[in-house]
């Protein structure tokens, strides 16, 4: 499935092609959609009479709620309200065990969704900027 591309500046487009800065004309849109195959949120295309716009979801943004499981979404929502939380609050809010709460917040830290402040009982979790 190849698209159609019309260059505004043929000389510049030809130069970029020879320098391997661009690929064959009309291959970009299919490659974009291929790269989002495994994502839950897909690119959106809007068209008008003489143009189109593709909106690409940010796959690198850790706060995209569609990429989080139910427990992680609840923790993110709690953090949006409170600003910072402790593991004990996660246990209480989600009604889960200490070990489960610890595992969830550690996973979220590993996924770079949360930042950690402090140690031991004073450990707090914040949403990563």
N, C-alpha and C. Protein backbone atom coordinates (compact mmCIF):
# COMPACT_ATOMS: atom_id res chain seq x y z
N UNK A 1 0.84 -1.17 0.00
CA UNK A 1 0.00 0.00 0.00
C UNK A 1 0.89 1.24 0.00
N UNK A 2 1.03 1.86 -1.12
CA UNK A 2 1.82 3.07 -1.22
C UNK A 2 0.90 4.27 -1.37
N UNK A 3 1.31 5.38 -0.77
CA UNK A 3 0.56 6.61 -0.90
C UNK A 3 1.10 7.43 -2.05
N UNK A 4 0.56 8.59 -2.20
CA UNK A 4 1.01 9.50 -3.25
C UNK A 4 1.61 10.72 -2.58
N UNK A 5 2.80 11.09 -3.01
CA UNK A 5 3.45 12.28 -2.47
C UNK A 5 3.74 13.25 -3.60
N UNK A 6 3.51 14.50 -3.33
CA UNK A 6 3.85 15.55 -4.28
C UNK A 6 4.78 16.51 -3.56
N UNK A 7 5.99 16.61 -4.06
CA UNK A 7 6.97 17.49 -3.42
C UNK A 7 6.75 18.93 -3.85
N UNK A 8 6.86 19.84 -2.91
CA UNK A 8 6.79 21.27 -3.23
C UNK A 8 8.07 21.72 -3.90
N UNK A 9 9.18 21.10 -3.54
CA UNK A 9 10.48 21.46 -4.09
C UNK A 9 11.14 20.16 -4.57
N UNK A 10 11.02 19.88 -5.86
CA UNK A 10 11.52 18.62 -6.41
C UNK A 10 13.03 18.47 -6.26
N UNK A 11 13.77 19.56 -6.43
CA UNK A 11 15.22 19.48 -6.30
C UNK A 11 15.63 19.10 -4.87
N UNK A 12 15.00 19.73 -3.91
CA UNK A 12 15.31 19.44 -2.52
C UNK A 12 14.91 18.01 -2.16
N UNK A 13 13.74 17.58 -2.61
CA UNK A 13 13.29 16.22 -2.34
C UNK A 13 14.24 15.21 -2.97
N UNK A 14 14.68 15.48 -4.18
CA UNK A 14 15.61 14.59 -4.86
C UNK A 14 16.96 14.52 -4.13
N UNK A 15 17.43 15.66 -3.67
CA UNK A 15 18.68 15.72 -2.91
C UNK A 15 18.56 14.91 -1.61
N UNK A 16 17.48 15.12 -0.87
CA UNK A 16 17.26 14.37 0.37
C UNK A 16 17.20 12.87 0.10
N UNK A 17 16.58 12.49 -1.02
CA UNK A 17 16.47 11.08 -1.37
C UNK A 17 17.86 10.49 -1.64
N UNK A 18 18.68 11.21 -2.40
CA UNK A 18 20.03 10.72 -2.72
C UNK A 18 20.92 10.68 -1.48
N UNK A 19 20.68 11.57 -0.52
CA UNK A 19 21.44 11.57 0.73
C UNK A 19 20.89 10.56 1.74
N UNK A 20 19.85 9.85 1.33
CA UNK A 20 19.19 8.84 2.17
C UNK A 20 18.59 9.45 3.44
N UNK A 21 18.16 10.70 3.34
CA UNK A 21 17.46 11.34 4.45
C UNK A 21 15.97 11.07 4.39
N UNK A 22 15.49 10.70 3.20
CA UNK A 22 14.10 10.28 3.04
C UNK A 22 14.11 8.99 2.25
N UNK A 23 13.01 8.25 2.36
CA UNK A 23 12.89 7.01 1.61
C UNK A 23 12.05 7.26 0.37
N UNK A 24 11.63 6.20 -0.26
CA UNK A 24 10.81 6.33 -1.46
C UNK A 24 9.55 7.14 -1.13
N UNK A 25 9.12 7.93 -2.07
CA UNK A 25 7.94 8.76 -1.85
C UNK A 25 6.71 7.90 -1.59
N UNK A 26 5.89 8.35 -0.66
CA UNK A 26 4.61 7.67 -0.41
C UNK A 26 4.67 6.47 0.51
N UNK A 27 5.80 6.22 1.16
CA UNK A 27 5.90 5.05 2.03
C UNK A 27 5.74 5.40 3.51
N UNK A 28 5.69 6.66 3.84
CA UNK A 28 5.69 7.09 5.24
C UNK A 28 4.44 6.72 6.03
N UNK A 29 3.26 6.97 5.47
CA UNK A 29 2.02 6.72 6.20
C UNK A 29 1.85 5.23 6.52
N UNK A 30 2.06 4.34 5.57
CA UNK A 30 1.96 2.91 5.93
C UNK A 30 2.95 2.51 7.02
N UNK A 31 4.15 3.08 6.98
CA UNK A 31 5.14 2.75 8.01
C UNK A 31 4.72 3.28 9.38
N UNK A 32 4.10 4.44 9.40
CA UNK A 32 3.60 4.99 10.66
C UNK A 32 2.57 4.04 11.26
N UNK A 33 1.61 3.62 10.45
CA UNK A 33 0.57 2.73 10.96
C UNK A 33 1.13 1.37 11.36
N UNK A 34 2.11 0.88 10.62
CA UNK A 34 2.77 -0.39 11.01
C UNK A 34 3.43 -0.27 12.37
N UNK A 35 4.04 0.89 12.64
CA UNK A 35 4.74 1.06 13.91
C UNK A 35 3.79 1.12 15.11
N UNK A 36 2.50 1.38 14.86
CA UNK A 36 1.51 1.47 15.93
C UNK A 36 0.65 0.20 16.03
N UNK A 37 1.01 -0.85 15.32
CA UNK A 37 0.19 -2.07 15.32
C UNK A 37 -0.07 -2.63 16.71
N UNK A 38 0.92 -2.62 17.57
CA UNK A 38 0.79 -3.22 18.90
C UNK A 38 0.28 -2.24 19.95
N UNK A 39 0.07 -1.00 19.57
CA UNK A 39 -0.38 0.02 20.51
C UNK A 39 -1.90 0.00 20.62
N UNK A 40 -2.39 0.35 21.79
CA UNK A 40 -3.84 0.42 21.98
C UNK A 40 -4.42 1.67 21.32
N UNK A 41 -3.69 2.77 21.38
CA UNK A 41 -4.14 4.02 20.78
C UNK A 41 -3.47 4.16 19.42
N UNK A 42 -4.28 4.35 18.39
CA UNK A 42 -3.79 4.40 17.01
C UNK A 42 -3.72 5.85 16.51
N UNK A 43 -2.90 6.09 15.49
CA UNK A 43 -2.89 7.42 14.86
C UNK A 43 -4.26 7.75 14.28
N UNK A 44 -4.57 9.03 14.24
CA UNK A 44 -5.86 9.47 13.72
C UNK A 44 -5.62 10.37 12.51
N UNK A 45 -6.35 10.14 11.44
CA UNK A 45 -6.21 10.96 10.22
C UNK A 45 -7.44 11.83 10.07
N UNK A 46 -7.20 13.12 9.84
CA UNK A 46 -8.27 14.07 9.55
C UNK A 46 -7.98 14.64 8.16
N UNK A 47 -9.01 14.75 7.35
CA UNK A 47 -8.82 15.24 5.99
C UNK A 47 -9.67 16.48 5.73
N UNK A 48 -9.19 17.28 4.79
CA UNK A 48 -9.97 18.41 4.28
C UNK A 48 -9.86 18.36 2.76
N UNK A 49 -10.35 19.37 2.08
CA UNK A 49 -10.34 19.36 0.62
C UNK A 49 -8.93 19.29 0.02
N UNK A 50 -7.98 19.94 0.67
CA UNK A 50 -6.65 20.00 0.07
C UNK A 50 -5.50 19.58 1.00
N UNK A 51 -5.84 18.97 2.12
CA UNK A 51 -4.78 18.59 3.06
C UNK A 51 -5.27 17.47 3.97
N UNK A 52 -4.33 16.89 4.69
CA UNK A 52 -4.68 15.93 5.72
C UNK A 52 -3.76 16.14 6.92
N UNK A 53 -4.23 15.68 8.06
CA UNK A 53 -3.45 15.81 9.29
C UNK A 53 -3.47 14.46 9.99
N UNK A 54 -2.28 14.00 10.40
CA UNK A 54 -2.17 12.76 11.16
C UNK A 54 -1.78 13.13 12.58
N UNK A 55 -2.58 12.69 13.54
CA UNK A 55 -2.28 12.92 14.95
C UNK A 55 -1.70 11.63 15.51
N UNK A 56 -0.47 11.71 15.99
CA UNK A 56 0.23 10.54 16.52
C UNK A 56 0.19 10.54 18.04
N UNK A 57 -0.37 9.50 18.64
CA UNK A 57 -0.33 9.40 20.10
C UNK A 57 1.11 9.27 20.58
N UNK A 58 1.42 9.91 21.69
CA UNK A 58 2.77 9.85 22.25
C UNK A 58 2.95 8.51 22.95
N UNK A 59 3.74 7.64 22.36
CA UNK A 59 3.98 6.32 22.94
C UNK A 59 4.98 6.36 24.07
N UNK A 60 5.67 7.45 24.24
CA UNK A 60 6.69 7.55 25.28
C UNK A 60 6.18 8.18 26.56
N UNK A 61 4.98 8.71 26.53
CA UNK A 61 4.43 9.38 27.70
C UNK A 61 3.95 8.33 28.70
N UNK A 62 4.56 8.28 29.88
CA UNK A 62 4.19 7.24 30.83
C UNK A 62 2.79 7.38 31.38
N UNK A 63 2.23 8.56 31.35
CA UNK A 63 0.93 8.78 31.94
C UNK A 63 -0.25 8.44 31.05
N UNK A 64 -0.02 7.87 29.91
CA UNK A 64 -1.14 7.53 29.04
C UNK A 64 -1.93 6.42 29.71
N UNK A 65 -3.14 6.75 30.14
CA UNK A 65 -3.94 5.82 30.92
C UNK A 65 -4.28 4.54 30.17
N UNK A 66 -4.30 4.58 28.86
CA UNK A 66 -4.66 3.38 28.10
C UNK A 66 -3.58 2.32 28.19
N UNK A 67 -2.38 2.68 28.61
CA UNK A 67 -1.29 1.72 28.71
C UNK A 67 -1.14 1.16 30.12
N UNK A 68 -2.02 1.54 31.02
CA UNK A 68 -1.91 1.12 32.41
C UNK A 68 -2.98 0.10 32.75
N UNK A 69 -2.65 -0.81 33.67
CA UNK A 69 -3.69 -1.74 34.14
C UNK A 69 -4.56 -1.02 35.18
N UNK A 70 -5.57 -1.71 35.67
CA UNK A 70 -6.55 -1.08 36.57
C UNK A 70 -5.89 -0.56 37.85
N UNK A 71 -5.01 -1.35 38.45
CA UNK A 71 -4.35 -0.92 39.69
C UNK A 71 -3.46 0.29 39.44
N UNK A 72 -2.72 0.26 38.33
CA UNK A 72 -1.83 1.38 38.01
C UNK A 72 -2.64 2.65 37.75
N UNK A 73 -3.78 2.51 37.07
CA UNK A 73 -4.64 3.68 36.83
C UNK A 73 -5.13 4.27 38.15
N UNK A 74 -5.50 3.40 39.08
CA UNK A 74 -5.98 3.88 40.38
C UNK A 74 -4.87 4.62 41.12
N UNK A 75 -3.65 4.11 41.04
CA UNK A 75 -2.52 4.76 41.70
C UNK A 75 -2.22 6.11 41.05
N UNK A 76 -2.25 6.16 39.73
CA UNK A 76 -2.01 7.43 39.03
C UNK A 76 -3.08 8.44 39.41
N UNK A 77 -4.33 8.02 39.46
CA UNK A 77 -5.42 8.93 39.84
C UNK A 77 -5.22 9.43 41.27
N UNK A 78 -4.84 8.54 42.17
CA UNK A 78 -4.57 8.93 43.55
C UNK A 78 -3.42 9.95 43.61
N UNK A 79 -2.39 9.71 42.83
CA UNK A 79 -1.25 10.64 42.80
C UNK A 79 -1.64 11.99 42.22
N UNK A 80 -2.52 11.99 41.25
CA UNK A 80 -2.98 13.26 40.68
C UNK A 80 -3.74 14.08 41.72
N UNK A 81 -4.43 13.39 42.61
CA UNK A 81 -5.18 14.08 43.67
C UNK A 81 -4.27 14.49 44.82
N UNK A 82 -3.40 13.58 45.24
CA UNK A 82 -2.60 13.80 46.45
C UNK A 82 -1.22 14.39 46.19
N UNK A 83 -0.67 14.14 45.02
CA UNK A 83 0.67 14.63 44.71
C UNK A 83 1.77 13.64 45.03
N UNK A 84 1.65 12.97 46.18
CA UNK A 84 2.61 11.94 46.58
C UNK A 84 1.90 10.95 47.48
N UNK A 85 2.36 9.71 47.45
CA UNK A 85 1.74 8.68 48.28
C UNK A 85 2.80 7.74 48.82
N UNK A 86 2.42 7.00 49.85
CA UNK A 86 3.27 5.94 50.41
C UNK A 86 2.63 4.60 50.07
N UNK A 87 3.44 3.56 50.15
CA UNK A 87 2.95 2.21 49.84
C UNK A 87 1.74 1.86 50.69
N UNK A 88 1.77 2.25 51.95
CA UNK A 88 0.67 1.96 52.88
C UNK A 88 -0.65 2.53 52.36
N UNK A 89 -0.60 3.72 51.76
CA UNK A 89 -1.81 4.34 51.20
C UNK A 89 -2.31 3.56 49.98
N UNK A 90 -1.37 3.01 49.21
CA UNK A 90 -1.75 2.18 48.06
C UNK A 90 -2.49 0.94 48.55
N UNK A 91 -1.96 0.31 49.60
CA UNK A 91 -2.62 -0.87 50.19
C UNK A 91 -4.05 -0.54 50.59
N UNK A 92 -4.18 0.56 51.31
CA UNK A 92 -5.48 0.96 51.84
C UNK A 92 -6.47 1.31 50.73
N UNK A 93 -6.03 2.13 49.78
CA UNK A 93 -6.92 2.58 48.71
C UNK A 93 -7.35 1.45 47.78
N UNK A 94 -6.43 0.53 47.49
CA UNK A 94 -6.74 -0.56 46.57
C UNK A 94 -7.22 -1.82 47.28
N UNK A 95 -7.09 -1.84 48.61
CA UNK A 95 -7.51 -3.02 49.36
C UNK A 95 -6.67 -4.25 49.03
N UNK A 96 -5.36 -4.05 48.96
CA UNK A 96 -4.45 -5.15 48.60
C UNK A 96 -3.40 -5.33 49.69
N UNK A 97 -2.66 -6.42 49.58
CA UNK A 97 -1.64 -6.74 50.59
C UNK A 97 -0.42 -5.83 50.44
N UNK A 98 0.39 -5.85 51.48
CA UNK A 98 1.63 -5.07 51.48
C UNK A 98 2.55 -5.51 50.34
N UNK A 99 2.68 -6.82 50.16
CA UNK A 99 3.59 -7.31 49.11
C UNK A 99 3.07 -6.96 47.72
N UNK A 100 1.75 -7.04 47.53
CA UNK A 100 1.18 -6.69 46.22
C UNK A 100 1.36 -5.20 45.94
N UNK A 101 1.11 -4.36 46.93
CA UNK A 101 1.29 -2.92 46.75
C UNK A 101 2.75 -2.60 46.43
N UNK A 102 3.66 -3.24 47.15
CA UNK A 102 5.08 -3.04 46.89
C UNK A 102 5.47 -3.45 45.49
N UNK A 103 4.93 -4.57 45.04
CA UNK A 103 5.25 -5.07 43.70
C UNK A 103 4.72 -4.11 42.63
N UNK A 104 3.51 -3.61 42.82
CA UNK A 104 2.91 -2.71 41.82
C UNK A 104 3.71 -1.41 41.73
N UNK A 105 4.02 -0.80 42.87
CA UNK A 105 4.76 0.47 42.81
C UNK A 105 6.18 0.27 42.28
N UNK A 106 6.81 -0.86 42.61
CA UNK A 106 8.15 -1.14 42.06
C UNK A 106 8.08 -1.29 40.54
N UNK A 107 7.05 -1.99 40.06
CA UNK A 107 6.87 -2.13 38.60
C UNK A 107 6.67 -0.76 37.95
N UNK A 108 5.91 0.09 38.61
CA UNK A 108 5.66 1.42 38.05
C UNK A 108 6.93 2.27 38.07
N UNK A 109 7.77 2.07 39.06
CA UNK A 109 9.07 2.76 39.10
C UNK A 109 9.94 2.23 37.95
N UNK A 110 9.96 0.91 37.77
CA UNK A 110 10.74 0.30 36.69
C UNK A 110 10.27 0.75 35.31
N UNK A 111 8.98 0.98 35.17
CA UNK A 111 8.41 1.45 33.90
C UNK A 111 8.59 2.96 33.73
N UNK A 112 9.21 3.58 34.73
CA UNK A 112 9.46 5.03 34.74
C UNK A 112 8.17 5.85 34.75
N UNK A 113 7.18 5.33 35.46
CA UNK A 113 5.93 6.06 35.66
C UNK A 113 6.02 6.86 36.96
N UNK A 114 6.71 6.28 37.95
CA UNK A 114 6.83 6.91 39.27
C UNK A 114 8.28 7.23 39.61
N UNK A 115 8.45 8.26 40.41
CA UNK A 115 9.73 8.58 41.04
C UNK A 115 9.64 8.17 42.50
N UNK A 116 10.78 7.84 43.09
CA UNK A 116 10.84 7.43 44.50
C UNK A 116 11.58 8.50 45.29
N UNK A 117 11.04 8.84 46.46
CA UNK A 117 11.69 9.78 47.38
C UNK A 117 11.75 9.13 48.74
N UNK A 118 12.91 9.15 49.37
CA UNK A 118 13.06 8.61 50.71
C UNK A 118 13.37 7.13 50.73
N UNK A 119 13.41 6.58 51.96
CA UNK A 119 13.73 5.17 52.16
C UNK A 119 12.87 4.61 53.28
N UNK A 120 12.74 3.28 53.28
CA UNK A 120 12.02 2.60 54.36
C UNK A 120 10.59 3.10 54.51
N UNK A 121 10.18 3.33 55.76
CA UNK A 121 8.81 3.79 56.03
C UNK A 121 8.53 5.18 55.46
N UNK A 122 9.58 5.92 55.21
CA UNK A 122 9.42 7.28 54.69
C UNK A 122 9.41 7.34 53.16
N UNK A 123 9.42 6.20 52.49
CA UNK A 123 9.44 6.18 51.03
C UNK A 123 8.12 6.73 50.49
N UNK A 124 8.24 7.68 49.59
CA UNK A 124 7.07 8.26 48.93
C UNK A 124 7.23 8.10 47.42
N UNK A 125 6.10 8.03 46.75
CA UNK A 125 6.08 7.88 45.29
C UNK A 125 5.38 9.08 44.69
N UNK A 126 5.96 9.57 43.60
CA UNK A 126 5.42 10.72 42.88
C UNK A 126 5.34 10.37 41.40
N UNK A 127 4.43 11.02 40.69
CA UNK A 127 4.39 10.83 39.24
C UNK A 127 5.64 11.45 38.63
N UNK A 128 6.23 10.73 37.72
CA UNK A 128 7.43 11.22 37.04
C UNK A 128 7.03 12.38 36.13
N UNK A 129 7.88 13.39 36.06
CA UNK A 129 7.60 14.56 35.20
C UNK A 129 7.62 14.21 33.75
